[in-house]
Amino acid sequence: MAENKFDAIVIGSGISGGWAAKELTEKGLKVLMLERGRNIEHVKDYVNANKESWDYPHHGRKTQEMIAAQPVRNRDYPLNEQTYEMWADERESPYTEVKR
């Protein structure tokens, strides 16, 4: 098996990770990007883009079910009805924390 070498490893392809990878590759670095979430197609997968908070059962807020099902993601403020489907499911891809 060939050994791959990278100058930088970017964890997560969200807005910050994507921008970091862009900047590093433009500087000539060989970059590996790791993403645990599903593949999201631009525009097609933004099903909530044109919805208002009143279009959701809980007005776009975080529900008790979300908090119970996603204890790690719950610590992040964007977890709510509007963004819920854009995150990796902790039950399918659990987080491992040695220390918190």
PDB file of N, CA and C in Angstrom:
ATOM      1  N   MET A   1       0.841  -1.179   0.000  1.00  0.00           N
ATOM      2  CA  MET A   1       0.000   0.000   0.000  1.00  0.00           C
ATOM      3  C   MET A   1       0.888   1.245   0.000  1.00  0.00           C
ATOM      4  N   ALA A   2       0.572   2.169  -0.866  1.00  0.00           N
ATOM      5  CA  ALA A   2       1.352   3.409  -0.971  1.00  0.00           C
ATOM      6  C   ALA A   2       1.131   4.289   0.250  1.00  0.00           C
ATOM      7  N   GLU A   3       2.178   4.952   0.657  1.00  0.00           N
ATOM      8  CA  GLU A   3       2.073   5.856   1.799  1.00  0.00           C
ATOM      9  C   GLU A   3       1.796   7.265   1.286  1.00  0.00           C
ATOM     10  N   ASN A   4       0.698   7.843   1.745  1.00  0.00           N
ATOM     11  CA  ASN A   4       0.353   9.216   1.365  1.00  0.00           C
ATOM     12  C   ASN A   4       0.885  10.177   2.411  1.00  0.00           C
ATOM     13  N   LYS A   5       1.419  11.274   1.955  1.00  0.00           N
ATOM     14  CA  LYS A   5       1.911  12.311   2.865  1.00  0.00           C
ATOM     15  C   LYS A   5       1.189  13.605   2.545  1.00  0.00           C
ATOM     16  N   PHE A   6       0.769  14.288   3.593  1.00  0.00           N
ATOM     17  CA  PHE A   6       0.043  15.541   3.444  1.00  0.00           C
ATOM     18  C   PHE A   6       0.731  16.625   4.259  1.00  0.00           C
ATOM     19  N   ASP A   7       0.626  17.836   3.767  1.00  0.00           N
ATOM     20  CA  ASP A   7       1.162  18.980   4.494  1.00  0.00           C
ATOM     21  C   ASP A   7       0.204  19.434   5.584  1.00  0.00           C
ATOM     22  N   ALA A   8      -1.089  19.200   5.354  1.00  0.00           N
ATOM     23  CA  ALA A   8      -2.109  19.641   6.311  1.00  0.00           C
ATOM     24  C   ALA A   8      -3.297  18.697   6.253  1.00  0.00           C
ATOM     25  N   ILE A   9      -3.951  18.514   7.387  1.00  0.00           N
ATOM     26  CA  ILE A   9      -5.189  17.740   7.463  1.00  0.00           C
ATOM     27  C   ILE A   9      -6.258  18.666   8.018  1.00  0.00           C
ATOM     28  N   VAL A  10      -7.354  18.800   7.279  1.00  0.00           N
ATOM     29  CA  VAL A  10      -8.473  19.646   7.696  1.00  0.00           C
ATOM     30  C   VAL A  10      -9.606  18.725   8.125  1.00  0.00           C
ATOM     31  N   ILE A  11     -10.097  18.919   9.332  1.00  0.00           N
ATOM     32  CA  ILE A  11     -11.191  18.113   9.857  1.00  0.00           C
ATOM     33  C   ILE A  11     -12.486  18.902   9.699  1.00  0.00           C
ATOM     34  N   GLY A  12     -13.376  18.397   8.862  1.00  0.00           N
ATOM     35  CA  GLY A  12     -14.675  19.035   8.642  1.00  0.00           C
ATOM     36  C   GLY A  12     -14.668  19.918   7.412  1.00  0.00           C
ATOM     37  N   SER A  13     -15.686  19.742   6.580  1.00  0.00           N
ATOM     38  CA  SER A  13     -15.766  20.510   5.334  1.00  0.00           C
ATOM     39  C   SER A  13     -16.833  21.593   5.392  1.00  0.00           C
ATOM     40  N   GLY A  14     -17.159  22.036   6.599  1.00  0.00           N
ATOM     41  CA  GLY A  14     -18.092  23.155   6.730  1.00  0.00           C
ATOM     42  C   GLY A  14     -17.450  24.439   6.233  1.00  0.00           C
ATOM     43  N   ILE A  15     -18.056  25.560   6.535  1.00  0.00           N
ATOM     44  CA  ILE A  15     -17.566  26.833   6.012  1.00  0.00           C
ATOM     45  C   ILE A  15     -16.117  27.106   6.421  1.00  0.00           C
ATOM     46  N   SER A  16     -15.772  26.840   7.658  1.00  0.00           N
ATOM     47  CA  SER A  16     -14.396  27.108   8.107  1.00  0.00           C
ATOM     48  C   SER A  16     -13.409  26.105   7.535  1.00  0.00           C
ATOM     49  N   GLY A  17     -13.764  24.819   7.578  1.00  0.00           N
ATOM     50  CA  GLY A  17     -12.879  23.797   7.039  1.00  0.00           C
ATOM     51  C   GLY A  17     -12.692  23.937   5.541  1.00  0.00           C
ATOM     52  N   GLY A  18     -13.786  24.222   4.840  1.00  0.00           N
ATOM     53  CA  GLY A  18     -13.707  24.411   3.395  1.00  0.00           C
ATOM     54  C   GLY A  18     -12.819  25.579   3.026  1.00  0.00           C
ATOM     55  N   TRP A  19     -12.964  26.662   3.778  1.00  0.00           N
ATOM     56  CA  TRP A  19     -12.145  27.851   3.496  1.00  0.00           C
ATOM     57  C   TRP A  19     -10.678  27.585   3.824  1.00  0.00           C
ATOM     58  N   ALA A  20     -10.431  26.896   4.931  1.00  0.00           N
ATOM     59  CA  ALA A  20      -9.050  26.573   5.297  1.00  0.00           C
ATOM     60  C   ALA A  20      -8.401  25.710   4.217  1.00  0.00           C
ATOM     61  N   ALA A  21      -9.125  24.699   3.733  1.00  0.00           N
ATOM     62  CA  ALA A  21      -8.586  23.825   2.686  1.00  0.00           C
ATOM     63  C   ALA A  21      -8.311  24.609   1.407  1.00  0.00           C
ATOM     64  N   LYS A  22      -9.209  25.512   1.058  1.00  0.00           N
ATOM     65  CA  LYS A  22      -9.036  26.355  -0.130  1.00  0.00           C
ATOM     66  C   LYS A  22      -7.761  27.184  -0.010  1.00  0.00           C
ATOM     67  N   GLU A  23      -7.604  27.863   1.119  1.00  0.00           N
ATOM     68  CA  GLU A  23      -6.436  28.721   1.323  1.00  0.00           C
ATOM     69  C   GLU A  23      -5.136  27.918   1.299  1.00  0.00           C
ATOM     70  N   LEU A  24      -5.139  26.771   1.947  1.00  0.00           N
ATOM     71  CA  LEU A  24      -3.924  25.955   2.004  1.00  0.00           C
ATOM     72  C   LEU A  24      -3.546  25.399   0.633  1.00  0.00           C
ATOM     73  N   THR A  25      -4.546  24.913  -0.116  1.00  0.00           N
ATOM     74  CA  THR A  25      -4.234  24.378  -1.447  1.00  0.00           C
ATOM     75  C   THR A  25      -3.787  25.476  -2.397  1.00  0.00           C
ATOM     76  N   GLU A  26      -4.355  26.671  -2.262  1.00  0.00           N
ATOM     77  CA  GLU A  26      -3.919  27.791  -3.102  1.00  0.00           C
ATOM     78  C   GLU A  26      -2.472  28.186  -2.816  1.00  0.00           C
ATOM     79  N   LYS A  27      -2.000  27.884  -1.613  1.00  0.00           N
ATOM     80  CA  LYS A  27      -0.605  28.160  -1.250  1.00  0.00           C
ATOM     81  C   LYS A  27       0.315  27.017  -1.677  1.00  0.00           C
ATOM     82  N   GLY A  28      -0.263  25.973  -2.285  1.00  0.00           N
ATOM     83  CA  GLY A  28       0.541  24.869  -2.789  1.00  0.00           C
ATOM     84  C   GLY A  28       0.685  23.683  -1.858  1.00  0.00           C
ATOM     85  N   LEU A  29      -0.007  23.683  -0.723  1.00  0.00           N
ATOM     86  CA  LEU A  29       0.087  22.566   0.203  1.00  0.00           C
ATOM     87  C   LEU A  29      -0.785  21.406  -0.265  1.00  0.00           C
ATOM     88  N   LYS A  30      -0.347  20.194   0.061  1.00  0.00           N
ATOM     89  CA  LYS A  30      -1.131  18.997  -0.211  1.00  0.00           C
ATOM     90  C   LYS A  30      -2.017  18.777   1.013  1.00  0.00           C
ATOM     91  N   VAL A  31      -3.345  18.818   0.802  1.00  0.00           N
ATOM     92  CA  VAL A  31      -4.300  18.836   1.909  1.00  0.00           C
ATOM     93  C   VAL A  31      -5.208  17.613   1.860  1.00  0.00           C
ATOM     94  N   LEU A  32      -5.423  17.010   3.020  1.00  0.00           N
ATOM     95  CA  LEU A  32      -6.411  15.944   3.184  1.00  0.00           C
ATOM     96  C   LEU A  32      -7.563  16.522   3.991  1.00  0.00           C
ATOM     97  N   MET A  33      -8.789  16.384   3.492  1.00  0.00           N
ATOM     98  CA  MET A  33      -9.967  16.847   4.222  1.00  0.00           C
ATOM     99  C   MET A  33     -10.778  15.629   4.652  1.00  0.00           C
ATOM    100  N   LEU A  34     -11.121  15.571   5.934  1.00  0.00           N
ATOM    101  CA  LEU A  34     -11.934  14.488   6.477  1.00  0.00           C
ATOM    102  C   LEU A  34     -13.302  15.036   6.863  1.00  0.00           C
ATOM    103  N   GLU A  35     -14.348  14.325   6.463  1.00  0.00           N
ATOM    104  CA  GLU A  35     -15.721  14.749   6.753  1.00  0.00           C
ATOM    105  C   GLU A  35     -16.522  13.536   7.187  1.00  0.00           C
ATOM    106  N   ARG A  36     -17.273  13.650   8.263  1.00  0.00           N
ATOM    107  CA  ARG A  36     -18.079  12.533   8.733  1.00  0.00           C
ATOM    108  C   ARG A  36     -19.533  12.630   8.302  1.00  0.00           C
ATOM    109  N   GLY A  37     -19.946  13.770   7.828  1.00  0.00           N
ATOM    110  CA  GLY A  37     -21.344  13.949   7.423  1.00  0.00           C
ATOM    111  C   GLY A  37     -21.621  13.425   6.027  1.00  0.00           C
ATOM    112  N   ARG A  38     -22.876  13.453   5.654  1.00  0.00           N
ATOM    113  CA  ARG A  38     -23.285  12.981   4.330  1.00  0.00           C
ATOM    114  C   ARG A  38     -22.885  13.993   3.267  1.00  0.00           C
ATOM    115  N   ASN A  39     -22.878  13.557   2.027  1.00  0.00           N
ATOM    116  CA  ASN A  39     -22.592  14.453   0.913  1.00  0.00           C
ATOM    117  C   ASN A  39     -23.796  15.370   0.703  1.00  0.00           C
ATOM    118  N   ILE A  40     -23.574  16.663   0.691  1.00  0.00           N
ATOM    119  CA  ILE A  40     -24.646  17.641   0.514  1.00  0.00           C
ATOM    120  C   ILE A  40     -24.446  18.324  -0.827  1.00  0.00           C
ATOM    121  N   GLU A  41     -25.470  18.239  -1.679  1.00  0.00           N
ATOM    122  CA  GLU A  41     -25.408  18.890  -2.983  1.00  0.00           C
ATOM    123  C   GLU A  41     -25.911  20.322  -2.873  1.00  0.00           C
ATOM    124  N   HIS A  42     -25.124  21.235  -3.418  1.00  0.00           N
ATOM    125  CA  HIS A  42     -25.456  22.657  -3.372  1.00  0.00           C
ATOM    126  C   HIS A  42     -26.846  22.899  -3.956  1.00  0.00           C
ATOM    127  N   VAL A  43     -27.636  23.693  -3.324  1.00  0.00           N
ATOM    128  CA  VAL A  43     -29.001  24.098  -3.651  1.00  0.00           C
ATOM    129  C   VAL A  43     -29.982  22.947  -3.454  1.00  0.00           C
ATOM    130  N   LYS A  44     -29.781  21.806  -4.106  1.00  0.00           N
ATOM    131  CA  LYS A  44     -30.723  20.684  -4.036  1.00  0.00           C
ATOM    132  C   LYS A  44     -30.986  20.243  -2.591  1.00  0.00           C
ATOM    133  N   ASP A  45     -29.971  20.179  -1.769  1.00  0.00           N
ATOM    134  CA  ASP A  45     -30.119  19.679  -0.405  1.00  0.00           C
ATOM    135  C   ASP A  45     -30.397  20.761   0.638  1.00  0.00           C
ATOM    136  N   TYR A  46     -30.580  21.991   0.208  1.00  0.00           N
ATOM    137  CA  TYR A  46     -30.907  23.072   1.146  1.00  0.00           C
ATOM    138  C   TYR A  46     -32.421  23.202   1.245  1.00  0.00           C
ATOM    139  N   VAL A  47     -33.067  22.164   1.752  1.00  0.00           N
ATOM    140  CA  VAL A  47     -34.533  22.117   1.757  1.00  0.00           C
ATOM    141  C   VAL A  47     -35.164  23.154   2.684  1.00  0.00           C
ATOM    142  N   ASN A  48     -34.431  23.651   3.643  1.00  0.00           N
ATOM    143  CA  ASN A  48     -34.980  24.623   4.593  1.00  0.00           C
ATOM    144  C   ASN A  48     -34.611  26.064   4.267  1.00  0.00           C
ATOM    145  N   ALA A  49     -33.945  26.293   3.166  1.00  0.00           N
ATOM    146  CA  ALA A  49     -33.423  27.621   2.845  1.00  0.00           C
ATOM    147  C   ALA A  49     -34.502  28.698   2.760  1.00  0.00           C
ATOM    148  N   ASN A  50     -35.670  28.351   2.290  1.00  0.00           N
ATOM    149  CA  ASN A  50     -36.724  29.354   2.109  1.00  0.00           C
ATOM    150  C   ASN A  50     -37.829  29.277   3.148  1.00  0.00           C
ATOM    151  N   LYS A  51     -37.593  28.543   4.232  1.00  0.00           N
ATOM    152  CA  LYS A  51     -38.595  28.433   5.295  1.00  0.00           C
ATOM    153  C   LYS A  51     -38.342  29.489   6.367  1.00  0.00           C
ATOM    154  N   GLU A  52     -39.408  29.919   6.971  1.00  0.00           N
ATOM    155  CA  GLU A  52     -39.334  30.850   8.106  1.00  0.00           C
ATOM    156  C   GLU A  52     -39.510  30.061   9.399  1.00  0.00           C
ATOM    157  N   SER A  53     -39.158  30.640  10.524  1.00  0.00           N
ATOM    158  CA  SER A  53     -39.248  29.930  11.798  1.00  0.00           C
ATOM    159  C   SER A  53     -40.665  29.443  12.089  1.00  0.00           C
ATOM    160  N   TRP A  54     -41.679  30.185  11.654  1.00  0.00           N
ATOM    161  CA  TRP A  54     -43.060  29.779  11.927  1.00  0.00           C
ATOM    162  C   TRP A  54     -43.505  28.586  11.072  1.00  0.00           C
ATOM    163  N   ASP A  55     -42.679  28.180  10.112  1.00  0.00           N
ATOM    164  CA  ASP A  55     -42.990  27.010   9.289  1.00  0.00           C
ATOM    165  C   ASP A  55     -42.649  25.695   9.992  1.00  0.00           C
ATOM    166  N   TYR A  56     -42.006  25.762  11.147  1.00  0.00           N
ATOM    167  CA  TYR A  56     -41.598  24.572  11.883  1.00  0.00           C
ATOM    168  C   TYR A  56     -42.502  24.372  13.094  1.00  0.00           C
ATOM    169  N   PRO A  57     -42.707  23.107  13.491  1.00  0.00           N
ATOM    170  CA  PRO A  57     -43.584  22.827  14.640  1.00  0.00           C
ATOM    171  C   PRO A  57     -43.167  23.542  15.927  1.00  0.00           C
ATOM    172  N   HIS A  58     -41.861  23.721  16.137  1.00  0.00           N
ATOM    173  CA  HIS A  58     -41.360  24.372  17.356  1.00  0.00           C
ATOM    174  C   HIS A  58     -40.691  25.701  17.017  1.00  0.00           C
ATOM    175  N   HIS A  59     -41.139  26.315  15.941  1.00  0.00           N
ATOM    176  CA  HIS A  59     -40.645  27.621  15.479  1.00  0.00           C
ATOM    177  C   HIS A  59     -39.133  27.642  15.261  1.00  0.00           C
ATOM    178  N   GLY A  60     -38.595  26.508  14.802  1.00  0.00           N
ATOM    179  CA  GLY A  60     -37.181  26.435  14.466  1.00  0.00           C
ATOM    180  C   GLY A  60     -36.250  26.219  15.637  1.00  0.00           C
ATOM    181  N   ARG A  61     -36.798  26.078  16.830  1.00  0.00           N
ATOM    182  CA  ARG A  61     -35.944  25.922  18.016  1.00  0.00           C
ATOM    183  C   ARG A  61     -35.503  24.471  18.225  1.00  0.00           C
ATOM    184  N   LYS A  62     -34.630  24.285  19.173  1.00  0.00           N
ATOM    185  CA  LYS A  62     -34.152  22.972  19.591  1.00  0.00           C
ATOM    186  C   LYS A  62     -35.244  22.310  20.430  1.00  0.00           C
ATOM    187  N   THR A  63     -35.513  21.013  20.180  1.00  0.00           N
ATOM    188  CA  THR A  63     -36.535  20.306  20.952  1.00  0.00           C
ATOM    189  C   THR A  63     -35.878  19.421  22.012  1.00  0.00           C
ATOM    190  N   GLN A  64     -36.663  18.975  22.975  1.00  0.00           N
ATOM    191  CA  GLN A  64     -36.155  18.067  24.006  1.00  0.00           C
ATOM    192  C   GLN A  64     -35.714  16.740  23.394  1.00  0.00           C
ATOM    193  N   GLU A  65     -36.398  16.301  22.341  1.00  0.00           N
ATOM    194  CA  GLU A  65     -36.013  15.065  21.656  1.00  0.00           C
ATOM    195  C   GLU A  65     -34.628  15.203  21.020  1.00  0.00           C
ATOM    196  N   MET A  66     -34.354  16.352  20.425  1.00  0.00           N
ATOM    197  CA  MET A  66     -33.034  16.598  19.829  1.00  0.00           C
ATOM    198  C   MET A  66     -31.951  16.587  20.906  1.00  0.00           C
ATOM    199  N   ILE A  67     -32.233  17.224  22.013  1.00  0.00           N
ATOM    200  CA  ILE A  67     -31.269  17.299  23.114  1.00  0.00           C
ATOM    201  C   ILE A  67     -30.945  15.906  23.637  1.00  0.00           C
ATOM    202  N   ALA A  68     -31.982  15.068  23.805  1.00  0.00           N
ATOM    203  CA  ALA A  68     -31.778  13.711  24.317  1.00  0.00           C
ATOM    204  C   ALA A  68     -31.045  12.827  23.310  1.00  0.00           C
ATOM    205  N   ALA A  69     -31.373  12.964  22.031  1.00  0.00           N
ATOM    206  CA  ALA A  69     -30.796  12.098  21.001  1.00  0.00           C
ATOM    207  C   ALA A  69     -29.387  12.506  20.594  1.00  0.00           C
ATOM    208  N   GLN A  70     -29.051  13.770  20.754  1.00  0.00           N
ATOM    209  CA  GLN A  70     -27.769  14.292  20.267  1.00  0.00           C
ATOM    210  C   GLN A  70     -27.058  15.079  21.372  1.00  0.00           C
ATOM    211  N   PRO A  71     -26.593  14.418  22.427  1.00  0.00           N
ATOM    212  CA  PRO A  71     -26.017  15.142  23.569  1.00  0.00           C
ATOM    213  C   PRO A  71     -24.761  15.949  23.253  1.00  0.00           C
ATOM    214  N   VAL A  72     -23.932  15.508  22.322  1.00  0.00           N
ATOM    215  CA  VAL A  72     -22.729  16.270  21.988  1.00  0.00           C
ATOM    216  C   VAL A  72     -23.090  17.425  21.063  1.00  0.00           C
ATOM    217  N   ARG A  73     -23.835  17.135  20.017  1.00  0.00           N
ATOM    218  CA  ARG A  73     -24.266  18.192  19.093  1.00  0.00           C
ATOM    219  C   ARG A  73     -25.086  19.247  19.815  1.00  0.00           C
ATOM    220  N   ASN A  74     -25.785  18.850  20.855  1.00  0.00           N
ATOM    221  CA  ASN A  74     -26.605  19.779  21.627  1.00  0.00           C
ATOM    222  C   ASN A  74     -25.783  20.929  22.197  1.00  0.00           C
ATOM    223  N   ARG A  75     -24.490  20.706  22.420  1.00  0.00           N
ATOM    224  CA  ARG A  75     -23.646  21.769  22.972  1.00  0.00           C
ATOM    225  C   ARG A  75     -23.360  22.868  21.959  1.00  0.00           C
ATOM    226  N   ASP A  76     -23.665  22.623  20.699  1.00  0.00           N
ATOM    227  CA  ASP A  76     -23.403  23.596  19.641  1.00  0.00           C
ATOM    228  C   ASP A  76     -24.675  24.396  19.370  1.00  0.00           C
ATOM    229  N   TYR A  77     -24.592  25.705  19.380  1.00  0.00           N
ATOM    230  CA  TYR A  77     -25.789  26.536  19.254  1.00  0.00           C
ATOM    231  C   TYR A  77     -26.589  26.333  17.971  1.00  0.00           C
ATOM    232  N   PRO A  78     -25.987  25.939  16.813  1.00  0.00           N
ATOM    233  CA  PRO A  78     -26.816  25.814  15.607  1.00  0.00           C
ATOM    234  C   PRO A  78     -27.758  24.613  15.591  1.00  0.00           C
ATOM    235  N   LEU A  79     -27.692  23.720  16.572  1.00  0.00           N
ATOM    236  CA  LEU A  79     -28.603  22.575  16.571  1.00  0.00           C
ATOM    237  C   LEU A  79     -30.026  23.065  16.804  1.00  0.00           C
ATOM    238  N   ASN A  80     -30.862  22.944  15.789  1.00  0.00           N
ATOM    239  CA  ASN A  80     -32.269  23.332  15.893  1.00  0.00           C
ATOM    240  C   ASN A  80     -33.043  22.682  14.755  1.00  0.00           C
ATOM    241  N   GLU A  81     -34.330  22.933  14.684  1.00  0.00           N
ATOM    242  CA  GLU A  81     -35.160  22.317  13.648  1.00  0.00           C
ATOM    243  C   GLU A  81     -34.716  22.691  12.237  1.00  0.00           C
ATOM    244  N   GLN A  82     -34.177  23.865  12.070  1.00  0.00           N
ATOM    245  CA  GLN A  82     -33.787  24.325  10.740  1.00  0.00           C
ATOM    246  C   GLN A  82     -32.517  23.651  10.232  1.00  0.00           C
ATOM    247  N   THR A  83     -31.618  23.276  11.125  1.00  0.00           N
ATOM    248  CA  THR A  83     -30.322  22.731  10.718  1.00  0.00           C
ATOM    249  C   THR A  83     -30.134  21.257  11.065  1.00  0.00           C
ATOM    250  N   TYR A  84     -31.100  20.659  11.722  1.00  0.00           N
ATOM    251  CA  TYR A  84     -30.955  19.311  12.277  1.00  0.00           C
ATOM    252  C   TYR A  84     -30.483  18.279  11.256  1.00  0.00           C
ATOM    253  N   GLU A  85     -31.045  18.293  10.070  1.00  0.00           N
ATOM    254  CA  GLU A  85     -30.717  17.281   9.060  1.00  0.00           C
ATOM    255  C   GLU A  85     -29.349  17.491   8.412  1.00  0.00           C
ATOM    256  N   MET A  86     -28.711  18.610   8.676  1.00  0.00           N
ATOM    257  CA  MET A  86     -27.412  18.896   8.066  1.00  0.00           C
ATOM    258  C   MET A  86     -26.243  18.327   8.876  1.00  0.00           C
ATOM    259  N   TRP A  87     -26.521  17.785  10.043  1.00  0.00           N
ATOM    260  CA  TRP A  87     -25.479  17.287  10.938  1.00  0.00           C
ATOM    261  C   TRP A  87     -25.418  15.761  10.903  1.00  0.00           C
ATOM    262  N   ALA A  88     -24.246  15.197  11.173  1.00  0.00           N
ATOM    263  CA  ALA A  88     -24.103  13.747  11.307  1.00  0.00           C
ATOM    264  C   ALA A  88     -24.864  13.302  12.552  1.00  0.00           C
ATOM    265  N   ASP A  89     -25.519  12.166  12.468  1.00  0.00           N
ATOM    266  CA  ASP A  89     -26.311  11.636  13.581  1.00  0.00           C
ATOM    267  C   ASP A  89     -25.380  10.939  14.572  1.00  0.00           C
ATOM    268  N   GLU A  90     -25.407  11.356  15.817  1.00  0.00           N
ATOM    269  CA  GLU A  90     -24.537  10.775  16.844  1.00  0.00           C
ATOM    270  C   GLU A  90     -24.809   9.298  17.075  1.00  0.00           C
ATOM    271  N   ARG A  91     -26.029   8.855  16.823  1.00  0.00           N
ATOM    272  CA  ARG A  91     -26.343   7.438  17.020  1.00  0.00           C
ATOM    273  C   ARG A  91     -25.662   6.586  15.950  1.00  0.00           C
ATOM    274  N   GLU A  92     -25.487   7.136  14.751  1.00  0.00           N
ATOM    275  CA  GLU A  92     -24.831   6.416  13.662  1.00  0.00           C
ATOM    276  C   GLU A  92     -23.315   6.630  13.675  1.00  0.00           C
ATOM    277  N   SER A  93     -22.873   7.787  14.090  1.00  0.00           N
ATOM    278  CA  SER A  93     -21.450   8.139  14.128  1.00  0.00           C
ATOM    279  C   SER A  93     -21.146   8.775  15.480  1.00  0.00           C
ATOM    280  N   PRO A  94     -21.040   7.949  16.527  1.00  0.00           N
ATOM    281  CA  PRO A  94     -20.860   8.515  17.867  1.00  0.00           C
ATOM    282  C   PRO A  94     -19.520   9.226  18.046  1.00  0.00           C
ATOM    283  N   TYR A  95     -19.551  10.244  18.866  1.00  0.00           N
ATOM    284  CA  TYR A  95     -18.338  10.968  19.233  1.00  0.00           C
ATOM    285  C   TYR A  95     -17.630  10.201  20.343  1.00  0.00           C
ATOM    286  N   THR A  96     -16.314  10.309  20.373  1.00  0.00           N
ATOM    287  CA  THR A  96     -15.525   9.738  21.449  1.00  0.00           C
ATOM    288  C   THR A  96     -14.786  10.884  22.117  1.00  0.00           C
ATOM    289  N   GLU A  97     -15.002  11.033  23.407  1.00  0.00           N
ATOM    290  CA  GLU A  97     -14.321  12.091  24.154  1.00  0.00           C
ATOM    291  C   GLU A  97     -13.546  11.461  25.299  1.00  0.00           C
ATOM    292  N   VAL A  98     -12.254  11.700  25.324  1.00  0.00           N
ATOM    293  CA  VAL A  98     -11.426  11.195  26.401  1.00  0.00           C
ATOM    294  C   VAL A  98     -11.602  12.077  27.626  1.00  0.00           C
ATOM    295  N   LYS A  99     -11.660  13.372  27.398  1.00  0.00           N
ATOM    296  CA  LYS A  99     -11.778  14.319  28.499  1.00  0.00           C
ATOM    297  C   LYS A  99     -12.615  15.491  28.036  1.00  0.00           C
ATOM    298  N   ARG A 100     -13.442  15.984  28.898  1.00  0.00           N
ATOM    299  CA  ARG A 100     -14.255  17.164  28.594  1.00  0.00           C
ATOM    300  C   ARG A 100     -14.157  18.121  29.742  1.00  0.00           C
TER     301      ARG A 100
END
